[in-house]
Amino acid sequence: QVQLVESGGGLVQAGGSLRLSCTASGGTFENYAVAWFRSAPEKERELVAAISRSGGSTYDAMSVKGRFTISRDNAQNTVFLQMNSLKFEDTAVYYCAARTGQIMTPDWTYNIWGQGTQVTVSS
């Protein structure tokens, strides 16, 4: 069973960029599809992006399409979320989550979660 740790969050001005990392340990990383979710006050948890085990397939939420890119390097046991052209509305705690097998969209299908990293975008 893998454990996940997020890093790379912080404070950035609108229009800026951040790269989040999700690093896995304790398991066979390539067995897992990985997704990024975000939680903001007064909002439901939102799926941001997801990536298949091999990295050959990805999913992007419409709200971030064209601005965020998910990728993975299985040799590094890491999934990245490159966030460009950040908006105030992107402010949230970002979580990475994993599940064995293929990409799914409901959050409850992911049984392994990191602790989250705060992203704050100032306007």
C-alpha atoms as a PDB file:
ATOM      1  CA  GLN A   1       0.000   0.000   0.000  1.00  0.00           C
ATOM      2  CA  VAL A   2       1.506   3.308  -1.059  1.00  0.00           C
ATOM      3  CA  GLN A   3       1.631   6.486   0.975  1.00  0.00           C
ATOM      4  CA  LEU A   4       1.366   9.883  -0.710  1.00  0.00           C
ATOM      5  CA  VAL A   5       2.921  13.210   0.213  1.00  0.00           C
ATOM      6  CA  GLU A   6       2.134  16.473  -1.582  1.00  0.00           C
ATOM      7  CA  SER A   7       4.466  19.426  -1.838  1.00  0.00           C
ATOM      8  CA  GLY A   8       4.884  22.629  -3.809  1.00  0.00           C
ATOM      9  CA  GLY A   9       1.965  24.709  -2.617  1.00  0.00           C
ATOM     10  CA  GLY A  10       2.292  28.305  -1.573  1.00  0.00           C
ATOM     11  CA  LEU A  11       1.245  31.866  -2.203  1.00  0.00           C
ATOM     12  CA  VAL A  12       1.322  33.218  -5.741  1.00  0.00           C
ATOM     13  CA  GLN A  13      -0.090  36.218  -7.567  1.00  0.00           C
ATOM     14  CA  ALA A  14      -2.839  35.808 -10.121  1.00  0.00           C
ATOM     15  CA  GLY A  15      -1.314  34.934 -13.460  1.00  0.00           C
ATOM     16  CA  GLY A  16       1.584  33.117 -11.860  1.00  0.00           C
ATOM     17  CA  SER A  17       2.554  29.467 -11.788  1.00  0.00           C
ATOM     18  CA  LEU A  18       3.158  26.671  -9.312  1.00  0.00           C
ATOM     19  CA  ARG A  19       4.124  23.045  -9.688  1.00  0.00           C
ATOM     20  CA  LEU A  20       2.730  20.567  -7.208  1.00  0.00           C
ATOM     21  CA  SER A  21       4.347  17.207  -6.590  1.00  0.00           C
ATOM     22  CA  CYS A  22       2.845  14.018  -5.214  1.00  0.00           C
ATOM     23  CA  THR A  23       5.479  11.510  -4.190  1.00  0.00           C
ATOM     24  CA  ALA A  24       4.645   7.919  -3.340  1.00  0.00           C
ATOM     25  CA  SER A  25       6.435   5.469  -1.098  1.00  0.00           C
ATOM     26  CA  GLY A  26       5.833   2.006   0.247  1.00  0.00           C
ATOM     27  CA  GLY A  27       4.272   0.331  -2.771  1.00  0.00           C
ATOM     28  CA  THR A  28       4.317  -0.287  -6.495  1.00  0.00           C
ATOM     29  CA  PHE A  29       3.513   3.146  -7.850  1.00  0.00           C
ATOM     30  CA  GLU A  30       2.829   2.077 -11.414  1.00  0.00           C
ATOM     31  CA  ASN A  31      -0.167   0.025 -10.241  1.00  0.00           C
ATOM     32  CA  TYR A  32      -2.084   3.196  -9.370  1.00  0.00           C
ATOM     33  CA  ALA A  33      -4.022   5.797 -11.265  1.00  0.00           C
ATOM     34  CA  VAL A  34      -3.545   9.156  -9.554  1.00  0.00           C
ATOM     35  CA  ALA A  35      -5.777  12.204  -9.360  1.00  0.00           C
ATOM     36  CA  TRP A  36      -5.579  15.721  -7.998  1.00  0.00           C
ATOM     37  CA  PHE A  37      -8.591  17.040  -6.095  1.00  0.00           C
ATOM     38  CA  ARG A  38      -9.073  20.405  -4.463  1.00  0.00           C
ATOM     39  CA  SER A  39     -11.172  21.619  -1.571  1.00  0.00           C
ATOM     40  CA  ALA A  40     -12.125  25.234  -1.004  1.00  0.00           C
ATOM     41  CA  PRO A  41     -14.372  26.753   1.663  1.00  0.00           C
ATOM     42  CA  GLU A  42     -18.071  26.552   0.828  1.00  0.00           C
ATOM     43  CA  LYS A  43     -17.389  24.374  -2.213  1.00  0.00           C
ATOM     44  CA  GLU A  44     -17.653  20.673  -2.909  1.00  0.00           C
ATOM     45  CA  ARG A  45     -14.482  18.721  -3.423  1.00  0.00           C
ATOM     46  CA  GLU A  46     -13.558  19.033  -7.083  1.00  0.00           C
ATOM     47  CA  LEU A  47     -11.623  16.709  -9.338  1.00  0.00           C
ATOM     48  CA  VAL A  48      -8.917  18.743 -11.043  1.00  0.00           C
ATOM     49  CA  ALA A  49      -6.990  16.221 -13.114  1.00  0.00           C
ATOM     50  CA  ALA A  50      -6.179  12.538 -13.254  1.00  0.00           C
ATOM     51  CA  ILE A  51      -3.610  10.337 -14.937  1.00  0.00           C
ATOM     52  CA  SER A  52      -3.525   6.667 -15.806  1.00  0.00           C
ATOM     53  CA  ARG A  53      -1.005   4.149 -14.547  1.00  0.00           C
ATOM     54  CA  SER A  54       1.265   4.492 -17.555  1.00  0.00           C
ATOM     55  CA  GLY A  55       0.653   8.198 -18.022  1.00  0.00           C
ATOM     56  CA  GLY A  56      -0.855   7.551 -21.428  1.00  0.00           C
ATOM     57  CA  SER A  57      -4.304   8.892 -20.569  1.00  0.00           C
ATOM     58  CA  THR A  58      -5.258  12.034 -18.678  1.00  0.00           C
ATOM     59  CA  TYR A  59      -8.370  13.833 -17.562  1.00  0.00           C
ATOM     60  CA  ASP A  60      -8.660  17.587 -17.007  1.00  0.00           C
ATOM     61  CA  ALA A  61     -11.546  19.431 -15.451  1.00  0.00           C
ATOM     62  CA  MET A  62     -13.082  22.042 -17.707  1.00  0.00           C
ATOM     63  CA  SER A  63     -12.291  24.735 -15.160  1.00  0.00           C
ATOM     64  CA  VAL A  64      -8.540  24.161 -15.538  1.00  0.00           C
ATOM     65  CA  LYS A  65      -8.256  22.889 -19.098  1.00  0.00           C
ATOM     66  CA  GLY A  66      -5.502  24.669 -20.966  1.00  0.00           C
ATOM     67  CA  ARG A  67      -3.955  25.987 -17.761  1.00  0.00           C
ATOM     68  CA  PHE A  68      -3.052  22.902 -15.703  1.00  0.00           C
ATOM     69  CA  THR A  69      -1.112  19.861 -16.850  1.00  0.00           C
ATOM     70  CA  ILE A  70      -0.831  16.562 -15.018  1.00  0.00           C
ATOM     71  CA  SER A  71       2.117  14.270 -15.643  1.00  0.00           C
ATOM     72  CA  ARG A  72       3.932  11.431 -13.942  1.00  0.00           C
ATOM     73  CA  ASP A  73       7.388   9.969 -13.717  1.00  0.00           C
ATOM     74  CA  ASN A  74       7.100   6.434 -12.435  1.00  0.00           C
ATOM     75  CA  ALA A  75      10.865   6.169 -12.077  1.00  0.00           C
ATOM     76  CA  GLN A  76      10.637   9.005  -9.539  1.00  0.00           C
ATOM     77  CA  ASN A  77       7.395   7.675  -8.006  1.00  0.00           C
ATOM     78  CA  THR A  78       5.966  11.136  -8.541  1.00  0.00           C
ATOM     79  CA  VAL A  79       2.939  12.787 -10.134  1.00  0.00           C
ATOM     80  CA  PHE A  80       3.107  16.481 -10.966  1.00  0.00           C
ATOM     81  CA  LEU A  81       0.497  19.165 -11.440  1.00  0.00           C
ATOM     82  CA  GLN A  82       1.825  22.147 -13.361  1.00  0.00           C
ATOM     83  CA  MET A  83      -0.472  25.103 -12.738  1.00  0.00           C
ATOM     84  CA  ASN A  84      -0.151  28.125 -15.006  1.00  0.00           C
ATOM     85  CA  SER A  85      -2.197  31.292 -15.380  1.00  0.00           C
ATOM     86  CA  LEU A  86      -3.461  30.885 -11.847  1.00  0.00           C
ATOM     87  CA  LYS A  87      -6.671  32.609 -10.829  1.00  0.00           C
ATOM     88  CA  PHE A  88      -8.020  33.630  -7.449  1.00  0.00           C
ATOM     89  CA  GLU A  89     -10.663  30.923  -7.870  1.00  0.00           C
ATOM     90  CA  ASP A  90      -7.920  28.269  -7.861  1.00  0.00           C
ATOM     91  CA  THR A  91      -7.276  28.936  -4.173  1.00  0.00           C
ATOM     92  CA  ALA A  92      -7.813  25.668  -2.305  1.00  0.00           C
ATOM     93  CA  VAL A  93      -6.165  22.812  -0.508  1.00  0.00           C
ATOM     94  CA  TYR A  94      -4.932  20.418  -3.174  1.00  0.00           C
ATOM     95  CA  TYR A  95      -4.856  16.688  -2.503  1.00  0.00           C
ATOM     96  CA  CYS A  96      -3.448  13.856  -4.513  1.00  0.00           C
ATOM     97  CA  ALA A  97      -5.230  10.538  -4.372  1.00  0.00           C
ATOM     98  CA  ALA A  98      -4.579   7.088  -5.782  1.00  0.00           C
ATOM     99  CA  ARG A  99      -6.493   3.966  -6.656  1.00  0.00           C
ATOM    100  CA  THR A 100      -5.481   0.674  -8.192  1.00  0.00           C
ATOM    101  CA  GLY A 101      -6.458   0.363 -11.815  1.00  0.00           C
ATOM    102  CA  GLN A 102      -7.929   2.958 -14.116  1.00  0.00           C
ATOM    103  CA  ILE A 103      -8.937   6.595 -13.829  1.00  0.00           C
ATOM    104  CA  MET A 104     -12.278   7.244 -12.170  1.00  0.00           C
ATOM    105  CA  THR A 105     -13.949  10.576 -11.446  1.00  0.00           C
ATOM    106  CA  PRO A 106     -15.813  10.124  -8.118  1.00  0.00           C
ATOM    107  CA  ASP A 107     -13.678  10.997  -5.122  1.00  0.00           C
ATOM    108  CA  TRP A 108     -14.951   8.025  -3.128  1.00  0.00           C
ATOM    109  CA  THR A 109     -13.334   5.601  -5.557  1.00  0.00           C
ATOM    110  CA  TYR A 110      -9.892   6.722  -4.354  1.00  0.00           C
ATOM    111  CA  ASN A 111      -8.811   4.997  -1.179  1.00  0.00           C
ATOM    112  CA  ILE A 112      -5.353   6.517  -0.698  1.00  0.00           C
ATOM    113  CA  TRP A 113      -4.970  10.222   0.005  1.00  0.00           C
ATOM    114  CA  GLY A 114      -2.187  12.606   0.806  1.00  0.00           C
ATOM    115  CA  GLN A 115      -2.352  15.237   3.515  1.00  0.00           C
ATOM    116  CA  GLY A 116      -2.936  18.164   1.176  1.00  0.00           C
ATOM    117  CA  THR A 117      -1.008  21.288   0.269  1.00  0.00           C
ATOM    118  CA  GLN A 118      -2.378  24.824   0.372  1.00  0.00           C
ATOM    119  CA  VAL A 119      -2.441  26.924  -2.780  1.00  0.00           C
ATOM    120  CA  THR A 120      -3.359  30.567  -2.314  1.00  0.00           C
ATOM    121  CA  VAL A 121      -3.698  32.904  -5.285  1.00  0.00           C
ATOM    122  CA  SER A 122      -3.803  36.616  -4.562  1.00  0.00           C
ATOM    123  CA  SER A 123      -5.670  39.031  -6.797  1.00  0.00           C
END
